[in-house]
């Protein structure tokens, strides 16, 4: 799956996160993560992001995540929503998303 258009999901409210995706003009996949809790949970957040992107089969795009202390389930949900919007996905394979 490739990101073909800009998309966004989430908010900048406490305990949430905002995910922005866009096509990567250089090709490949780039992820930028900013978090208020990166010192405590940065490794876990990055693991959830990497697993979710792998499960969705994302191969290229720019992913910018601004975390405000979201739980893993919120990270997955926001990332999935932004990627699916940015990929212009009309048919979903729900098995990949569970």
N, C-alpha and C. Protein backbone atom coordinates (compact mmCIF):
# COMPACT_ATOMS: atom_id res chain seq x y z
N UNK A 1 0.85 -1.17 0.00
CA UNK A 1 0.00 0.00 0.00
C UNK A 1 0.90 1.23 0.00
N UNK A 2 0.55 2.19 -0.83
CA UNK A 2 1.31 3.44 -0.92
C UNK A 2 0.40 4.63 -0.65
N UNK A 3 0.95 5.64 -0.04
CA UNK A 3 0.21 6.88 0.22
C UNK A 3 0.20 7.69 -1.07
N UNK A 4 -0.98 8.01 -1.56
CA UNK A 4 -1.08 8.73 -2.83
C UNK A 4 -1.61 10.15 -2.68
N UNK A 5 -2.13 10.48 -1.49
CA UNK A 5 -2.63 11.84 -1.27
C UNK A 5 -2.50 12.18 0.21
N UNK A 6 -2.41 13.46 0.55
CA UNK A 6 -2.32 13.85 1.96
C UNK A 6 -3.60 13.49 2.71
N UNK A 7 -3.43 13.09 3.97
CA UNK A 7 -4.58 12.77 4.83
C UNK A 7 -4.18 12.98 6.28
N UNK A 8 -5.19 13.10 7.12
CA UNK A 8 -4.96 13.36 8.54
C UNK A 8 -6.00 12.61 9.37
N UNK A 9 -5.60 12.23 10.57
CA UNK A 9 -6.54 11.60 11.51
C UNK A 9 -6.12 11.98 12.92
N UNK A 10 -7.08 12.16 13.80
CA UNK A 10 -6.80 12.44 15.20
C UNK A 10 -6.83 13.91 15.55
N UNK A 11 -6.52 14.18 16.82
CA UNK A 11 -6.52 15.54 17.35
C UNK A 11 -5.26 15.77 18.16
N UNK A 12 -5.09 16.98 18.61
CA UNK A 12 -3.96 17.32 19.48
C UNK A 12 -4.41 17.47 20.93
N UNK A 13 -5.54 16.85 21.25
CA UNK A 13 -6.04 16.86 22.62
C UNK A 13 -5.21 15.92 23.49
N UNK A 14 -5.26 16.11 24.78
CA UNK A 14 -4.57 15.23 25.71
C UNK A 14 -5.06 13.80 25.56
N UNK A 15 -4.15 12.85 25.64
CA UNK A 15 -4.43 11.42 25.51
C UNK A 15 -4.85 11.00 24.10
N UNK A 16 -4.52 11.81 23.11
CA UNK A 16 -4.81 11.48 21.72
C UNK A 16 -3.53 11.72 20.92
N UNK A 17 -3.62 11.59 19.63
CA UNK A 17 -2.51 11.89 18.75
C UNK A 17 -3.05 12.31 17.40
N UNK A 18 -2.20 13.00 16.65
CA UNK A 18 -2.57 13.40 15.30
C UNK A 18 -1.58 12.74 14.35
N UNK A 19 -2.11 12.12 13.31
CA UNK A 19 -1.29 11.46 12.31
C UNK A 19 -1.53 12.14 10.97
N UNK A 20 -0.45 12.58 10.34
CA UNK A 20 -0.52 13.17 9.00
C UNK A 20 0.26 12.27 8.07
N UNK A 21 -0.32 11.97 6.93
CA UNK A 21 0.37 11.16 5.92
C UNK A 21 0.37 11.92 4.60
N UNK A 22 1.39 11.69 3.80
CA UNK A 22 1.47 12.28 2.47
C UNK A 22 2.40 11.43 1.62
N UNK A 23 2.32 11.58 0.30
CA UNK A 23 3.24 10.84 -0.56
C UNK A 23 4.68 11.28 -0.29
N UNK A 24 5.62 10.38 -0.45
CA UNK A 24 7.04 10.69 -0.27
C UNK A 24 7.66 10.88 -1.65
N UNK A 25 8.03 12.12 -2.00
CA UNK A 25 8.61 12.36 -3.32
C UNK A 25 9.94 11.63 -3.53
N UNK A 26 10.62 11.27 -2.45
CA UNK A 26 11.89 10.55 -2.54
C UNK A 26 11.70 9.05 -2.58
N UNK A 27 10.47 8.59 -2.46
CA UNK A 27 10.19 7.16 -2.40
C UNK A 27 10.49 6.62 -1.02
N UNK A 28 10.10 5.42 -0.75
CA UNK A 28 10.35 4.81 0.56
C UNK A 28 9.40 5.30 1.62
N UNK A 29 9.62 4.81 2.81
CA UNK A 29 8.77 5.11 3.96
C UNK A 29 9.57 5.87 5.00
N UNK A 30 9.05 7.02 5.41
CA UNK A 30 9.69 7.83 6.46
C UNK A 30 8.65 8.10 7.55
N UNK A 31 9.08 7.93 8.81
CA UNK A 31 8.20 8.15 9.95
C UNK A 31 8.87 9.15 10.88
N UNK A 32 8.16 10.23 11.19
CA UNK A 32 8.63 11.21 12.17
C UNK A 32 7.69 11.16 13.36
N UNK A 33 8.25 10.97 14.56
CA UNK A 33 7.46 10.83 15.77
C UNK A 33 7.85 11.90 16.78
N UNK A 34 6.84 12.64 17.25
CA UNK A 34 7.01 13.59 18.34
C UNK A 34 6.03 13.17 19.42
N UNK A 35 6.50 13.16 20.67
CA UNK A 35 5.63 12.73 21.76
C UNK A 35 6.02 13.42 23.05
N UNK A 36 5.00 13.74 23.84
CA UNK A 36 5.25 14.31 25.16
C UNK A 36 5.82 13.27 26.12
N UNK A 37 5.63 12.01 25.79
CA UNK A 37 6.07 10.92 26.67
C UNK A 37 7.13 10.03 25.99
N UNK A 38 7.89 10.62 25.09
CA UNK A 38 8.83 9.82 24.30
C UNK A 38 9.92 9.19 25.16
N UNK A 39 10.33 9.86 26.22
CA UNK A 39 11.38 9.28 27.08
C UNK A 39 10.90 8.03 27.79
N UNK A 40 9.64 8.02 28.20
CA UNK A 40 9.10 6.86 28.91
C UNK A 40 8.59 5.78 27.96
N UNK A 41 7.94 6.17 26.88
CA UNK A 41 7.23 5.21 26.04
C UNK A 41 7.60 5.25 24.57
N UNK A 42 8.64 5.95 24.21
CA UNK A 42 9.03 6.10 22.81
C UNK A 42 9.24 4.79 22.09
N UNK A 43 9.91 3.84 22.75
CA UNK A 43 10.17 2.54 22.13
C UNK A 43 8.86 1.79 21.86
N UNK A 44 7.96 1.82 22.82
CA UNK A 44 6.67 1.14 22.67
C UNK A 44 5.82 1.80 21.57
N UNK A 45 5.79 3.12 21.55
CA UNK A 45 5.03 3.83 20.52
C UNK A 45 5.56 3.46 19.14
N UNK A 46 6.88 3.51 18.98
CA UNK A 46 7.48 3.20 17.68
C UNK A 46 7.20 1.75 17.27
N UNK A 47 7.19 0.85 18.22
CA UNK A 47 6.89 -0.56 17.93
C UNK A 47 5.46 -0.70 17.41
N UNK A 48 4.51 -0.04 18.06
CA UNK A 48 3.11 -0.09 17.63
C UNK A 48 2.97 0.50 16.22
N UNK A 49 3.65 1.62 15.98
CA UNK A 49 3.60 2.26 14.66
C UNK A 49 4.17 1.33 13.60
N UNK A 50 5.35 0.77 13.85
CA UNK A 50 5.99 -0.11 12.87
C UNK A 50 5.16 -1.35 12.59
N UNK A 51 4.59 -1.96 13.64
CA UNK A 51 3.75 -3.15 13.45
C UNK A 51 2.50 -2.83 12.65
N UNK A 52 1.89 -1.69 12.93
CA UNK A 52 0.66 -1.30 12.22
C UNK A 52 0.95 -1.03 10.76
N UNK A 53 2.03 -0.32 10.47
CA UNK A 53 2.39 -0.04 9.08
C UNK A 53 2.71 -1.33 8.33
N UNK A 54 3.40 -2.24 9.00
CA UNK A 54 3.73 -3.53 8.38
C UNK A 54 2.47 -4.33 8.09
N UNK A 55 1.55 -4.37 9.05
CA UNK A 55 0.30 -5.11 8.88
C UNK A 55 -0.51 -4.56 7.71
N UNK A 56 -0.46 -3.24 7.52
CA UNK A 56 -1.19 -2.61 6.42
C UNK A 56 -0.43 -2.73 5.09
N UNK A 57 0.83 -3.11 5.15
CA UNK A 57 1.63 -3.24 3.94
C UNK A 57 2.05 -1.91 3.35
N UNK A 58 2.25 -0.91 4.20
CA UNK A 58 2.65 0.41 3.71
C UNK A 58 4.12 0.36 3.31
N UNK A 59 4.40 0.72 2.06
CA UNK A 59 5.76 0.65 1.53
C UNK A 59 6.36 2.02 1.26
N UNK A 60 5.52 3.03 1.05
CA UNK A 60 6.05 4.36 0.81
C UNK A 60 5.10 5.42 1.34
N UNK A 61 5.69 6.53 1.75
CA UNK A 61 4.92 7.66 2.25
C UNK A 61 5.65 8.37 3.37
N UNK A 62 5.21 9.57 3.68
CA UNK A 62 5.71 10.33 4.82
C UNK A 62 4.65 10.26 5.90
N UNK A 63 5.04 9.81 7.09
CA UNK A 63 4.12 9.69 8.22
C UNK A 63 4.63 10.60 9.32
N UNK A 64 3.82 11.56 9.75
CA UNK A 64 4.20 12.47 10.83
C UNK A 64 3.20 12.26 11.97
N UNK A 65 3.73 11.91 13.14
CA UNK A 65 2.88 11.61 14.29
C UNK A 65 3.22 12.56 15.42
N UNK A 66 2.19 13.23 15.94
CA UNK A 66 2.35 14.09 17.11
C UNK A 66 1.48 13.51 18.22
N UNK A 67 2.14 12.88 19.18
CA UNK A 67 1.47 12.15 20.25
C UNK A 67 1.32 13.00 21.50
N UNK A 68 0.16 12.91 22.12
CA UNK A 68 -0.12 13.62 23.36
C UNK A 68 -0.45 12.63 24.49
N UNK A 69 0.18 11.46 24.43
CA UNK A 69 -0.02 10.47 25.49
C UNK A 69 -1.09 9.44 25.18
N UNK A 70 -1.27 9.11 23.91
CA UNK A 70 -2.32 8.17 23.51
C UNK A 70 -1.97 6.73 23.88
N UNK A 71 -2.99 5.94 24.12
CA UNK A 71 -2.83 4.50 24.36
C UNK A 71 -2.55 3.80 23.04
N UNK A 72 -2.03 2.57 23.13
CA UNK A 72 -1.69 1.80 21.93
C UNK A 72 -2.88 1.65 20.98
N UNK A 73 -4.05 1.40 21.53
CA UNK A 73 -5.24 1.20 20.68
C UNK A 73 -5.57 2.47 19.89
N UNK A 74 -5.37 3.63 20.49
CA UNK A 74 -5.62 4.90 19.81
C UNK A 74 -4.57 5.13 18.72
N UNK A 75 -3.33 4.76 19.01
CA UNK A 75 -2.26 4.91 18.03
C UNK A 75 -2.59 4.07 16.79
N UNK A 76 -2.97 2.82 17.01
CA UNK A 76 -3.32 1.94 15.89
C UNK A 76 -4.50 2.51 15.08
N UNK A 77 -5.54 2.92 15.78
CA UNK A 77 -6.75 3.42 15.12
C UNK A 77 -6.48 4.67 14.30
N UNK A 78 -5.78 5.62 14.87
CA UNK A 78 -5.48 6.87 14.16
C UNK A 78 -4.57 6.62 12.97
N UNK A 79 -3.58 5.78 13.15
CA UNK A 79 -2.64 5.46 12.07
C UNK A 79 -3.36 4.75 10.92
N UNK A 80 -4.20 3.78 11.27
CA UNK A 80 -4.97 3.07 10.25
C UNK A 80 -5.86 4.03 9.47
N UNK A 81 -6.56 4.90 10.17
CA UNK A 81 -7.47 5.84 9.52
C UNK A 81 -6.72 6.76 8.56
N UNK A 82 -5.61 7.32 9.01
CA UNK A 82 -4.85 8.24 8.16
C UNK A 82 -4.28 7.53 6.93
N UNK A 83 -3.72 6.33 7.14
CA UNK A 83 -3.13 5.58 6.03
C UNK A 83 -4.20 5.19 5.01
N UNK A 84 -5.32 4.68 5.48
CA UNK A 84 -6.37 4.27 4.55
C UNK A 84 -6.93 5.46 3.78
N UNK A 85 -7.06 6.59 4.44
CA UNK A 85 -7.51 7.81 3.74
C UNK A 85 -6.47 8.23 2.71
N UNK A 86 -5.20 8.23 3.11
CA UNK A 86 -4.12 8.67 2.23
C UNK A 86 -3.86 7.72 1.06
N UNK A 87 -4.20 6.47 1.23
CA UNK A 87 -4.01 5.49 0.16
C UNK A 87 -5.22 5.45 -0.77
N UNK A 88 -6.27 6.16 -0.41
CA UNK A 88 -7.48 6.15 -1.23
C UNK A 88 -8.13 4.79 -1.26
N UNK A 89 -8.03 4.07 -0.17
CA UNK A 89 -8.55 2.70 -0.07
C UNK A 89 -10.07 2.71 -0.02
N UNK A 90 -10.67 1.98 -0.94
CA UNK A 90 -12.12 1.88 -0.93
C UNK A 90 -12.58 0.52 -0.44
N UNK A 91 -11.74 -0.50 -0.57
CA UNK A 91 -12.08 -1.83 -0.10
C UNK A 91 -11.07 -2.21 0.98
N UNK A 92 -11.57 -2.63 2.10
CA UNK A 92 -10.70 -2.96 3.23
C UNK A 92 -10.62 -4.46 3.45
N UNK A 93 -9.41 -4.92 3.77
CA UNK A 93 -9.21 -6.29 4.19
C UNK A 93 -9.20 -6.25 5.71
N UNK A 94 -10.34 -6.48 6.33
CA UNK A 94 -10.48 -6.34 7.77
C UNK A 94 -9.59 -7.30 8.55
N UNK A 95 -9.18 -8.40 7.92
CA UNK A 95 -8.27 -9.35 8.59
C UNK A 95 -6.93 -8.69 8.91
N UNK A 96 -6.45 -7.83 8.03
CA UNK A 96 -5.18 -7.13 8.25
C UNK A 96 -5.27 -6.12 9.37
N UNK A 97 -6.45 -5.59 9.60
CA UNK A 97 -6.62 -4.51 10.55
C UNK A 97 -6.87 -4.98 11.98
N UNK A 98 -7.13 -6.25 12.18
CA UNK A 98 -7.45 -6.72 13.53
C UNK A 98 -6.22 -7.00 14.34
